[in-house]
Amino acid sequence: MHHIRIVTDSTADLSPEQVKKYGIKVVPINVTFGADSYADGVDLSAEEFFERLTRSKELPKTSQPSPDAFRQVYEETAGKGETILSVHISGKLSGTLSSAQLASSMVDTRVIPIDTKTASQGIALSVLAAAEASRREMPVEDAVKVTEKSVASTFSVFAVDTLEFLQRNGRIGKAASLLGSLLQIKPILFADPEGMVAPYDKVRGRSQIIPSLLKGALKNVTPDQPVNLSVVHTGAEDSARELLSELQDHYEIVDLHVGMVGPAIGAHIGPGAIGLMIQPSFDILAAGI
């Protein structure tokens, strides 16, 4: 019996295969279009969401799961004597982490909330590190160290087609300095060490986006080591594939995920975005513990 259970939220954009392989519990973010409310990934797929986003006059809104939603999941997930690692989107970008923290004080089970300081598959990389530590039946303290090492070594960078969605949803953070710049300037953003959305680079025209993202990856994770990589997009699959092929020329990729960003994050970055999340692929058993 595993003594560690893994819980995350739907902003991690985990694939169904990833969830199933490790038995991860995903608490959905709520996405609202006008009067219609959806549980992210449960009632609304990424494809349906972006299709609706492009034709909707209303901007979608998102809201974090309630502490009670987390409490229920924690109570259903852990048996006697088990510990939950609850791994979440940056506390600076969402109230989800504080809902998890509140819920952790409402249950008898030991729950350890972890702030990944990032979003989308950047979260997933650390969720999977935690899940692998659990699968190998590591002691709780070591599993936490592995997860925190994963958080510290993950670099998340992305290009949005427009800053409009981040601005209207109030998630623009330090990238506000880029507002009002010329239309052909494309902002390259990243999750900074505090877990905020911050400007990384700005390029002129779409053709410069992929070179800039690649440069960011190479600067932050040297190509002399195997890596785990996720390439994500909001309905820009051709660009995502092109980015991947550039990255494959430079890196030996151990664990690869390519997919769409889900509704909860998609509501904030809008259509036409691409991004990458990368970390050194460390041997979990030798993770400096």
C-alpha atoms as a PDB file:
ATOM      1  CA  MET A   1       0.000   0.000   0.000  1.00  0.00           C
ATOM      2  CA  HIS A   2       1.386   3.400  -0.947  1.00  0.00           C
ATOM      3  CA  HIS A   3       1.896   5.620   2.041  1.00  0.00           C
ATOM      4  CA  ILE A   4       1.904   8.810  -0.016  1.00  0.00           C
ATOM      5  CA  ARG A   5      -1.023   9.999  -2.127  1.00  0.00           C
ATOM      6  CA  ILE A   6      -0.761  12.800  -4.686  1.00  0.00           C
ATOM      7  CA  VAL A   7      -3.362  15.540  -5.163  1.00  0.00           C
ATOM      8  CA  THR A   8      -3.116  18.456  -7.596  1.00  0.00           C
ATOM      9  CA  ASP A   9      -5.447  20.900  -9.352  1.00  0.00           C
ATOM     10  CA  SER A  10      -6.545  21.062 -12.980  1.00  0.00           C
ATOM     11  CA  THR A  11      -4.222  23.973 -13.823  1.00  0.00           C
ATOM     12  CA  ALA A  12      -1.438  21.331 -13.992  1.00  0.00           C
ATOM     13  CA  ASP A  13      -2.844  20.292 -17.410  1.00  0.00           C
ATOM     14  CA  LEU A  14      -1.973  16.639 -16.768  1.00  0.00           C
ATOM     15  CA  SER A  15      -2.851  14.245 -19.557  1.00  0.00           C
ATOM     16  CA  PRO A  16      -5.362  11.454 -18.784  1.00  0.00           C
ATOM     17  CA  GLU A  17      -2.469   8.990 -19.219  1.00  0.00           C
ATOM     18  CA  GLN A  18      -0.376  10.765 -16.582  1.00  0.00           C
ATOM     19  CA  VAL A  19      -3.295  10.835 -14.138  1.00  0.00           C
ATOM     20  CA  LYS A  20      -4.089   7.168 -14.670  1.00  0.00           C
ATOM     21  CA  LYS A  21      -0.521   5.902 -14.501  1.00  0.00           C
ATOM     22  CA  TYR A  22       0.011   7.289 -11.008  1.00  0.00           C
ATOM     23  CA  GLY A  23      -3.542   7.442  -9.639  1.00  0.00           C
ATOM     24  CA  ILE A  24      -3.274  11.209  -9.139  1.00  0.00           C
ATOM     25  CA  LYS A  25      -6.347  13.023  -7.805  1.00  0.00           C
ATOM     26  CA  VAL A  26      -7.088  16.240  -9.704  1.00  0.00           C
ATOM     27  CA  VAL A  27      -9.299  18.899  -8.110  1.00  0.00           C
ATOM     28  CA  PRO A  28     -10.958  20.934 -10.893  1.00  0.00           C
ATOM     29  CA  ILE A  29     -10.826  24.725 -11.145  1.00  0.00           C
ATOM     30  CA  ASN A  30     -14.212  26.289 -11.965  1.00  0.00           C
ATOM     31  CA  VAL A  31     -14.544  28.041 -15.308  1.00  0.00           C
ATOM     32  CA  THR A  32     -17.518  30.323 -15.968  1.00  0.00           C
ATOM     33  CA  PHE A  33     -18.759  31.697 -19.293  1.00  0.00           C
ATOM     34  CA  GLY A  34     -21.599  34.089 -18.458  1.00  0.00           C
ATOM     35  CA  ALA A  35     -24.222  31.956 -16.725  1.00  0.00           C
ATOM     36  CA  ASP A  36     -22.561  28.630 -17.611  1.00  0.00           C
ATOM     37  CA  SER A  37     -20.232  27.105 -15.071  1.00  0.00           C
ATOM     38  CA  TYR A  38     -17.906  24.170 -15.780  1.00  0.00           C
ATOM     39  CA  ALA A  39     -15.508  22.013 -13.832  1.00  0.00           C
ATOM     40  CA  ASP A  40     -12.238  22.334 -15.761  1.00  0.00           C
ATOM     41  CA  GLY A  41     -11.358  19.113 -17.546  1.00  0.00           C
ATOM     42  CA  VAL A  42     -14.507  17.393 -16.274  1.00  0.00           C
ATOM     43  CA  ASP A  43     -17.356  19.184 -18.085  1.00  0.00           C
ATOM     44  CA  LEU A  44     -15.180  21.129 -20.511  1.00  0.00           C
ATOM     45  CA  SER A  45     -12.273  19.938 -22.638  1.00  0.00           C
ATOM     46  CA  ALA A  46      -9.476  22.189 -23.892  1.00  0.00           C
ATOM     47  CA  GLU A  47     -10.755  21.882 -27.473  1.00  0.00           C
ATOM     48  CA  GLU A  48     -14.336  22.840 -26.514  1.00  0.00           C
ATOM     49  CA  PHE A  49     -13.059  25.704 -24.407  1.00  0.00           C
ATOM     50  CA  PHE A  50     -10.920  27.355 -27.103  1.00  0.00           C
ATOM     51  CA  GLU A  51     -13.630  26.867 -29.696  1.00  0.00           C
ATOM     52  CA  ARG A  52     -16.006  28.749 -27.403  1.00  0.00           C
ATOM     53  CA  LEU A  53     -13.400  31.349 -26.435  1.00  0.00           C
ATOM     54  CA  THR A  54     -12.854  32.369 -30.051  1.00  0.00           C
ATOM     55  CA  ARG A  55     -16.564  32.923 -30.731  1.00  0.00           C
ATOM     56  CA  SER A  56     -17.683  34.210 -27.334  1.00  0.00           C
ATOM     57  CA  LYS A  57     -18.210  37.880 -26.575  1.00  0.00           C
ATOM     58  CA  GLU A  58     -17.979  37.107 -22.885  1.00  0.00           C
ATOM     59  CA  LEU A  59     -14.601  36.518 -21.309  1.00  0.00           C
ATOM     60  CA  PRO A  60     -14.436  33.379 -19.206  1.00  0.00           C
ATOM     61  CA  LYS A  61     -13.702  33.722 -15.515  1.00  0.00           C
ATOM     62  CA  THR A  62     -12.017  31.188 -13.293  1.00  0.00           C
ATOM     63  CA  SER A  63     -12.365  30.520  -9.595  1.00  0.00           C
ATOM     64  CA  GLN A  64     -10.336  28.338  -7.301  1.00  0.00           C
ATOM     65  CA  PRO A  65     -11.809  25.178  -5.734  1.00  0.00           C
ATOM     66  CA  SER A  66     -13.251  25.789  -2.275  1.00  0.00           C
ATOM     67  CA  PRO A  67     -11.460  24.511   0.829  1.00  0.00           C
ATOM     68  CA  ASP A  68     -14.412  22.146   1.177  1.00  0.00           C
ATOM     69  CA  ALA A  69     -13.768  20.660  -2.279  1.00  0.00           C
ATOM     70  CA  PHE A  70     -10.197  19.925  -1.183  1.00  0.00           C
ATOM     71  CA  ARG A  71     -11.349  18.584   2.184  1.00  0.00           C
ATOM     72  CA  GLN A  72     -13.623  16.072   0.432  1.00  0.00           C
ATOM     73  CA  VAL A  73     -10.854  14.922  -1.890  1.00  0.00           C
ATOM     74  CA  TYR A  74      -8.381  14.593   0.985  1.00  0.00           C
ATOM     75  CA  GLU A  75     -10.850  12.501   2.985  1.00  0.00           C
ATOM     76  CA  GLU A  76     -11.615  10.250   0.011  1.00  0.00           C
ATOM     77  CA  THR A  77      -7.998   9.882  -1.045  1.00  0.00           C
ATOM     78  CA  ALA A  78      -5.976   8.918   1.992  1.00  0.00           C
ATOM     79  CA  GLY A  79      -6.323   5.855   4.169  1.00  0.00           C
ATOM     80  CA  LYS A  80      -5.179   5.551   7.760  1.00  0.00           C
ATOM     81  CA  GLY A  81      -1.555   6.488   8.252  1.00  0.00           C
ATOM     82  CA  GLU A  82      -1.137   7.853   4.723  1.00  0.00           C
ATOM     83  CA  THR A  83       0.206  11.281   3.815  1.00  0.00           C
ATOM     84  CA  ILE A  84      -0.983  13.520   0.977  1.00  0.00           C
ATOM     85  CA  LEU A  85       1.357  15.698  -1.062  1.00  0.00           C
ATOM     86  CA  SER A  86      -0.884  18.418  -2.494  1.00  0.00           C
ATOM     87  CA  VAL A  87       1.046  20.045  -5.356  1.00  0.00           C
ATOM     88  CA  HIS A  88      -0.360  23.265  -6.830  1.00  0.00           C
ATOM     89  CA  ILE A  89      -0.230  26.276  -9.108  1.00  0.00           C
ATOM     90  CA  SER A  90       1.782  29.256  -7.862  1.00  0.00           C
ATOM     91  CA  GLY A  91       0.185  30.884  -4.826  1.00  0.00           C
ATOM     92  CA  LYS A  92       0.912  34.242  -6.497  1.00  0.00           C
ATOM     93  CA  LEU A  93      -1.295  33.364  -9.490  1.00  0.00           C
ATOM     94  CA  SER A  94      -4.263  31.739  -7.790  1.00  0.00           C
ATOM     95  CA  GLY A  95      -5.957  31.254  -4.437  1.00  0.00           C
ATOM     96  CA  THR A  96      -5.963  27.482  -5.049  1.00  0.00           C
ATOM     97  CA  LEU A  97      -2.963  26.871  -2.803  1.00  0.00           C
ATOM     98  CA  SER A  98      -4.569  28.749   0.089  1.00  0.00           C
ATOM     99  CA  SER A  99      -7.757  26.668  -0.334  1.00  0.00           C
ATOM    100  CA  ALA A 100      -5.575  23.550  -0.087  1.00  0.00           C
ATOM    101  CA  GLN A 101      -3.766  24.938   2.959  1.00  0.00           C
ATOM    102  CA  LEU A 102      -7.061  25.729   4.696  1.00  0.00           C
ATOM    103  CA  ALA A 103      -8.455  22.297   3.880  1.00  0.00           C
ATOM    104  CA  SER A 104      -5.320  20.607   5.196  1.00  0.00           C
ATOM    105  CA  SER A 105      -6.135  21.947   8.663  1.00  0.00           C
ATOM    106  CA  MET A 106      -9.682  20.547   8.433  1.00  0.00           C
ATOM    107  CA  VAL A 107      -8.748  16.868   8.076  1.00  0.00           C
ATOM    108  CA  ASP A 108      -7.115  14.236  10.288  1.00  0.00           C
ATOM    109  CA  THR A 109      -4.819  13.133   7.476  1.00  0.00           C
ATOM    110  CA  ARG A 110      -1.368  14.695   7.188  1.00  0.00           C
ATOM    111  CA  VAL A 111      -1.417  16.974   4.130  1.00  0.00           C
ATOM    112  CA  ILE A 112       1.674  18.773   2.846  1.00  0.00           C
ATOM    113  CA  PRO A 113       0.746  21.579   0.393  1.00  0.00           C
ATOM    114  CA  ILE A 114       3.521  22.447  -2.097  1.00  0.00           C
ATOM    115  CA  ASP A 115       3.708  25.657  -4.140  1.00  0.00           C
ATOM    116  CA  THR A 116       5.251  24.939  -7.562  1.00  0.00           C
ATOM    117  CA  LYS A 117       5.586  28.695  -8.302  1.00  0.00           C
ATOM    118  CA  THR A 118       4.492  28.011 -11.873  1.00  0.00           C
ATOM    119  CA  ALA A 119       1.493  26.911 -13.955  1.00  0.00           C
ATOM    120  CA  SER A 120       0.322  24.341 -16.509  1.00  0.00           C
ATOM    121  CA  GLN A 121       2.741  21.502 -17.249  1.00  0.00           C
ATOM    122  CA  GLY A 122       5.341  23.305 -15.119  1.00  0.00           C
ATOM    123  CA  ILE A 123       3.207  22.062 -12.207  1.00  0.00           C
ATOM    124  CA  ALA A 124       2.838  18.654 -13.852  1.00  0.00           C
ATOM    125  CA  LEU A 125       6.608  18.065 -13.892  1.00  0.00           C
ATOM    126  CA  SER A 126       6.683  18.389 -10.090  1.00  0.00           C
ATOM    127  CA  VAL A 127       3.443  16.430  -9.622  1.00  0.00           C
ATOM    128  CA  LEU A 128       5.033  13.576 -11.579  1.00  0.00           C
ATOM    129  CA  ALA A 129       8.243  13.781  -9.526  1.00  0.00           C
ATOM    130  CA  ALA A 130       6.125  13.469  -6.360  1.00  0.00           C
ATOM    131  CA  ALA A 131       4.143  10.597  -7.891  1.00  0.00           C
ATOM    132  CA  GLU A 132       7.306   8.749  -8.880  1.00  0.00           C
ATOM    133  CA  ALA A 133       8.715   9.197  -5.362  1.00  0.00           C
ATOM    134  CA  SER A 134       5.466   7.737  -4.021  1.00  0.00           C
ATOM    135  CA  ARG A 135       5.585   4.835  -6.472  1.00  0.00           C
ATOM    136  CA  ARG A 136       9.071   4.009  -5.216  1.00  0.00           C
ATOM    137  CA  GLU A 137       7.751   4.138  -1.655  1.00  0.00           C
ATOM    138  CA  MET A 138      10.212   6.776  -0.522  1.00  0.00           C
ATOM    139  CA  PRO A 139       9.850   8.178   2.999  1.00  0.00           C
ATOM    140  CA  VAL A 140       7.639  11.276   3.123  1.00  0.00           C
ATOM    141  CA  GLU A 141      10.477  13.701   3.917  1.00  0.00           C
ATOM    142  CA  ASP A 142      12.481  12.436   0.929  1.00  0.00           C
ATOM    143  CA  ALA A 143       9.446  12.635  -1.381  1.00  0.00           C
ATOM    144  CA  VAL A 144       8.965  16.268  -0.318  1.00  0.00           C
ATOM    145  CA  LYS A 145      12.635  17.007  -1.033  1.00  0.00           C
ATOM    146  CA  VAL A 146      12.361  15.410  -4.475  1.00  0.00           C
ATOM    147  CA  THR A 147       9.269  17.504  -5.248  1.00  0.00           C
ATOM    148  CA  GLU A 148      10.916  20.708  -4.026  1.00  0.00           C
ATOM    149  CA  LYS A 149      14.030  19.928  -6.069  1.00  0.00           C
ATOM    150  CA  SER A 150      11.798  19.506  -9.115  1.00  0.00           C
ATOM    151  CA  VAL A 151      10.112  22.863  -8.401  1.00  0.00           C
ATOM    152  CA  ALA A 152      13.470  24.628  -8.080  1.00  0.00           C
ATOM    153  CA  SER A 153      14.858  23.141 -11.293  1.00  0.00           C
ATOM    154  CA  THR A 154      11.867  23.766 -13.584  1.00  0.00           C
ATOM    155  CA  PHE A 155      11.964  26.636 -16.077  1.00  0.00           C
ATOM    156  CA  SER A 156       8.639  27.736 -17.608  1.00  0.00           C
ATOM    157  CA  VAL A 157       8.577  30.231 -20.483  1.00  0.00           C
ATOM    158  CA  PHE A 158       5.777  31.063 -22.913  1.00  0.00           C
ATOM    159  CA  ALA A 159       4.723  33.441 -25.642  1.00  0.00           C
ATOM    160  CA  VAL A 160       1.224  34.901 -25.733  1.00  0.00           C
ATOM    161  CA  ASP A 161      -0.378  36.226 -28.871  1.00  0.00           C
ATOM    162  CA  THR A 162      -1.853  39.133 -26.910  1.00  0.00           C
ATOM    163  CA  LEU A 163      -1.599  40.440 -23.337  1.00  0.00           C
ATOM    164  CA  GLU A 164      -5.324  41.218 -23.375  1.00  0.00           C
ATOM    165  CA  PHE A 165      -6.413  38.071 -21.509  1.00  0.00           C
ATOM    166  CA  LEU A 166      -3.783  38.343 -18.774  1.00  0.00           C
ATOM    167  CA  GLN A 167      -4.680  41.994 -18.295  1.00  0.00           C
ATOM    168  CA  ARG A 168      -8.458  41.519 -18.220  1.00  0.00           C
ATOM    169  CA  ASN A 169      -8.162  38.630 -15.818  1.00  0.00           C
ATOM    170  CA  GLY A 170      -5.850  40.510 -13.468  1.00  0.00           C
ATOM    171  CA  ARG A 171      -3.009  37.980 -13.773  1.00  0.00           C
ATOM    172  CA  ILE A 172      -0.589  40.194 -15.652  1.00  0.00           C
ATOM    173  CA  GLY A 173       1.769  40.748 -12.703  1.00  0.00           C
ATOM    174  CA  LYS A 174       5.113  42.202 -13.685  1.00  0.00           C
ATOM    175  CA  ALA A 175       4.301  41.891 -17.388  1.00  0.00           C
ATOM    176  CA  ALA A 176       2.158  45.040 -17.129  1.00  0.00           C
ATOM    177  CA  SER A 177       5.255  47.007 -18.157  1.00  0.00           C
ATOM    178  CA  LEU A 178       4.846  45.546 -21.664  1.00  0.00           C
ATOM    179  CA  LEU A 179       1.319  46.885 -22.170  1.00  0.00           C
ATOM    180  CA  GLY A 180       0.858  49.488 -24.831  1.00  0.00           C
ATOM    181  CA  SER A 181       3.972  48.479 -26.731  1.00  0.00           C
ATOM    182  CA  LEU A 182       3.698  48.204 -30.489  1.00  0.00           C
ATOM    183  CA  LEU A 183       1.333  45.617 -31.863  1.00  0.00           C
ATOM    184  CA  GLN A 184       3.960  43.566 -33.642  1.00  0.00           C
ATOM    185  CA  ILE A 185       5.933  43.175 -30.416  1.00  0.00           C
ATOM    186  CA  LYS A 186       5.300  39.688 -29.032  1.00  0.00           C
ATOM    187  CA  PRO A 187       5.828  39.331 -25.290  1.00  0.00           C
ATOM    188  CA  ILE A 188       7.789  36.336 -24.017  1.00  0.00           C
ATOM    189  CA  LEU A 189       6.832  35.695 -20.391  1.00  0.00           C
ATOM    190  CA  PHE A 190       8.073  33.347 -17.703  1.00  0.00           C
ATOM    191  CA  ALA A 191       7.255  32.167 -14.215  1.00  0.00           C
ATOM    192  CA  ASP A 192       9.822  34.032 -12.141  1.00  0.00           C
ATOM    193  CA  PRO A 193      11.367  32.609  -8.925  1.00  0.00           C
ATOM    194  CA  GLU A 194       8.610  34.190  -6.823  1.00  0.00           C
ATOM    195  CA  GLY A 195       5.938  32.512  -8.941  1.00  0.00           C
ATOM    196  CA  MET A 196       4.796  35.676 -10.728  1.00  0.00           C
ATOM    197  CA  VAL A 197       4.221  36.161 -14.455  1.00  0.00           C
ATOM    198  CA  ALA A 198       7.115  38.368 -15.547  1.00  0.00           C
ATOM    199  CA  PRO A 199       8.586  39.604 -18.855  1.00  0.00           C
ATOM    200  CA  TYR A 200      11.410  37.418 -20.132  1.00  0.00           C
ATOM    201  CA  ASP A 201      11.991  38.879 -23.562  1.00  0.00           C
ATOM    202  CA  LYS A 202      10.115  40.787 -26.236  1.00  0.00           C
ATOM    203  CA  VAL A 203      10.475  40.061 -29.903  1.00  0.00           C
ATOM    204  CA  ARG A 204       9.291  41.698 -33.079  1.00  0.00           C
ATOM    205  CA  GLY A 205       6.948  39.494 -35.074  1.00  0.00           C
ATOM    206  CA  ARG A 206       5.909  35.868 -34.739  1.00  0.00           C
ATOM    207  CA  SER A 207       8.973  34.475 -36.507  1.00  0.00           C
ATOM    208  CA  GLN A 208      11.170  35.470 -33.561  1.00  0.00           C
ATOM    209  CA  ILE A 209       9.092  33.666 -30.916  1.00  0.00           C
ATOM    210  CA  ILE A 210      10.506  30.170 -31.266  1.00  0.00           C
ATOM    211  CA  PRO A 211      14.172  31.310 -31.333  1.00  0.00           C
ATOM    212  CA  SER A 212      13.536  33.323 -28.155  1.00  0.00           C
ATOM    213  CA  LEU A 213      11.858  30.418 -26.320  1.00  0.00           C
ATOM    214  CA  LEU A 214      14.670  28.078 -27.370  1.00  0.00           C
ATOM    215  CA  LYS A 215      17.299  30.558 -26.173  1.00  0.00           C
ATOM    216  CA  GLY A 216      15.517  30.805 -22.816  1.00  0.00           C
ATOM    217  CA  ALA A 217      15.538  27.015 -22.426  1.00  0.00           C
ATOM    218  CA  LEU A 218      19.224  26.700 -23.340  1.00  0.00           C
ATOM    219  CA  LYS A 219      20.187  29.466 -20.939  1.00  0.00           C
ATOM    220  CA  ASN A 220      18.345  27.918 -17.992  1.00  0.00           C
ATOM    221  CA  VAL A 221      18.836  24.186 -18.542  1.00  0.00           C
ATOM    222  CA  THR A 222      22.146  23.307 -20.207  1.00  0.00           C
ATOM    223  CA  PRO A 223      21.889  20.770 -23.034  1.00  0.00           C
ATOM    224  CA  ASP A 224      24.670  18.520 -21.680  1.00  0.00           C
ATOM    225  CA  GLN A 225      22.158  16.563 -19.570  1.00  0.00           C
ATOM    226  CA  PRO A 226      18.963  14.613 -20.285  1.00  0.00           C
ATOM    227  CA  VAL A 227      15.777  16.619 -19.655  1.00  0.00           C
ATOM    228  CA  ASN A 228      12.067  16.288 -18.985  1.00  0.00           C
ATOM    229  CA  LEU A 229      10.164  18.535 -21.355  1.00  0.00           C
ATOM    230  CA  SER A 230       6.607  19.697 -21.881  1.00  0.00           C
ATOM    231  CA  VAL A 231       5.568  21.758 -24.884  1.00  0.00           C
ATOM    232  CA  VAL A 232       2.105  23.305 -24.590  1.00  0.00           C
ATOM    233  CA  HIS A 233      -0.105  25.525 -26.702  1.00  0.00           C
ATOM    234  CA  THR A 234      -3.544  27.119 -26.895  1.00  0.00           C
ATOM    235  CA  GLY A 235      -4.629  26.018 -30.347  1.00  0.00           C
ATOM    236  CA  ALA A 236      -1.253  26.688 -32.016  1.00  0.00           C
ATOM    237  CA  GLU A 237      -0.254  23.104 -32.641  1.00  0.00           C
ATOM    238  CA  ASP A 238       1.944  23.777 -35.692  1.00  0.00           C
ATOM    239  CA  SER A 239       4.048  26.296 -33.768  1.00  0.00           C
ATOM    240  CA  ALA A 240       4.270  23.898 -30.815  1.00  0.00           C
ATOM    241  CA  ARG A 241       5.528  21.103 -33.118  1.00  0.00           C
ATOM    242  CA  GLU A 242       8.071  23.456 -34.651  1.00  0.00           C
ATOM    243  CA  LEU A 243       9.280  24.472 -31.185  1.00  0.00           C
ATOM    244  CA  LEU A 244       9.554  20.809 -30.188  1.00  0.00           C
ATOM    245  CA  SER A 245      11.635  19.942 -33.228  1.00  0.00           C
ATOM    246  CA  GLU A 246      14.048  22.794 -32.415  1.00  0.00           C
ATOM    247  CA  LEU A 247      14.342  21.564 -28.828  1.00  0.00           C
ATOM    248  CA  GLN A 248      14.916  17.980 -30.004  1.00  0.00           C
ATOM    249  CA  ASP A 249      17.938  19.196 -31.982  1.00  0.00           C
ATOM    250  CA  HIS A 250      19.547  20.372 -28.740  1.00  0.00           C
ATOM    251  CA  TYR A 251      18.383  18.093 -25.952  1.00  0.00           C
ATOM    252  CA  GLU A 252      18.149  14.429 -25.112  1.00  0.00           C
ATOM    253  CA  ILE A 253      14.546  14.240 -23.912  1.00  0.00           C
ATOM    254  CA  VAL A 254      13.660  11.507 -21.431  1.00  0.00           C
ATOM    255  CA  ASP A 255      10.102  12.397 -20.544  1.00  0.00           C
ATOM    256  CA  LEU A 256       8.127  14.316 -23.174  1.00  0.00           C
ATOM    257  CA  HIS A 257       4.619  15.739 -23.084  1.00  0.00           C
ATOM    258  CA  VAL A 258       3.030  17.774 -25.867  1.00  0.00           C
ATOM    259  CA  GLY A 259      -0.497  19.034 -25.440  1.00  0.00           C
ATOM    260  CA  MET A 260      -3.026  21.789 -25.100  1.00  0.00           C
ATOM    261  CA  VAL A 261      -3.239  24.087 -22.141  1.00  0.00           C
ATOM    262  CA  GLY A 262      -6.546  23.481 -20.367  1.00  0.00           C
ATOM    263  CA  PRO A 263      -9.400  25.953 -19.789  1.00  0.00           C
ATOM    264  CA  ALA A 264      -8.228  27.284 -16.404  1.00  0.00           C
ATOM    265  CA  ILE A 265      -4.887  28.572 -17.694  1.00  0.00           C
ATOM    266  CA  GLY A 266      -6.202  29.124 -21.226  1.00  0.00           C
ATOM    267  CA  ALA A 267      -8.692  31.685 -19.912  1.00  0.00           C
ATOM    268  CA  HIS A 268      -5.735  33.813 -18.809  1.00  0.00           C
ATOM    269  CA  ILE A 269      -3.355  33.484 -21.731  1.00  0.00           C
ATOM    270  CA  GLY A 270      -5.860  33.370 -24.603  1.00  0.00           C
ATOM    271  CA  PRO A 271      -5.582  31.580 -27.946  1.00  0.00           C
ATOM    272  CA  GLY A 272      -2.424  31.330 -30.056  1.00  0.00           C
ATOM    273  CA  ALA A 273       0.043  30.922 -27.178  1.00  0.00           C
ATOM    274  CA  ILE A 274       2.912  28.419 -27.032  1.00  0.00           C
ATOM    275  CA  GLY A 275       5.235  27.562 -24.197  1.00  0.00           C
ATOM    276  CA  LEU A 276       7.713  25.116 -22.791  1.00  0.00           C
ATOM    277  CA  MET A 277       8.474  23.744 -19.351  1.00  0.00           C
ATOM    278  CA  ILE A 278      11.846  22.084 -18.922  1.00  0.00           C
ATOM    279  CA  GLN A 279      13.957  20.610 -16.138  1.00  0.00           C
ATOM    280  CA  PRO A 280      17.013  18.349 -15.871  1.00  0.00           C
ATOM    281  CA  SER A 281      15.831  14.743 -15.710  1.00  0.00           C
ATOM    282  CA  PHE A 282      17.258  13.750 -12.370  1.00  0.00           C
ATOM    283  CA  ASP A 283      17.460  10.260 -10.981  1.00  0.00           C
ATOM    284  CA  ILE A 284      14.962  10.472  -8.174  1.00  0.00           C
ATOM    285  CA  LEU A 285      16.792   7.928  -6.031  1.00  0.00           C
ATOM    286  CA  ALA A 286      19.944  10.025  -6.189  1.00  0.00           C
ATOM    287  CA  ALA A 287      18.217  13.388  -5.923  1.00  0.00           C
ATOM    288  CA  GLY A 288      20.747  14.746  -3.478  1.00  0.00           C
ATOM    289  CA  ILE A 289      18.858  13.444  -0.462  1.00  0.00           C
END
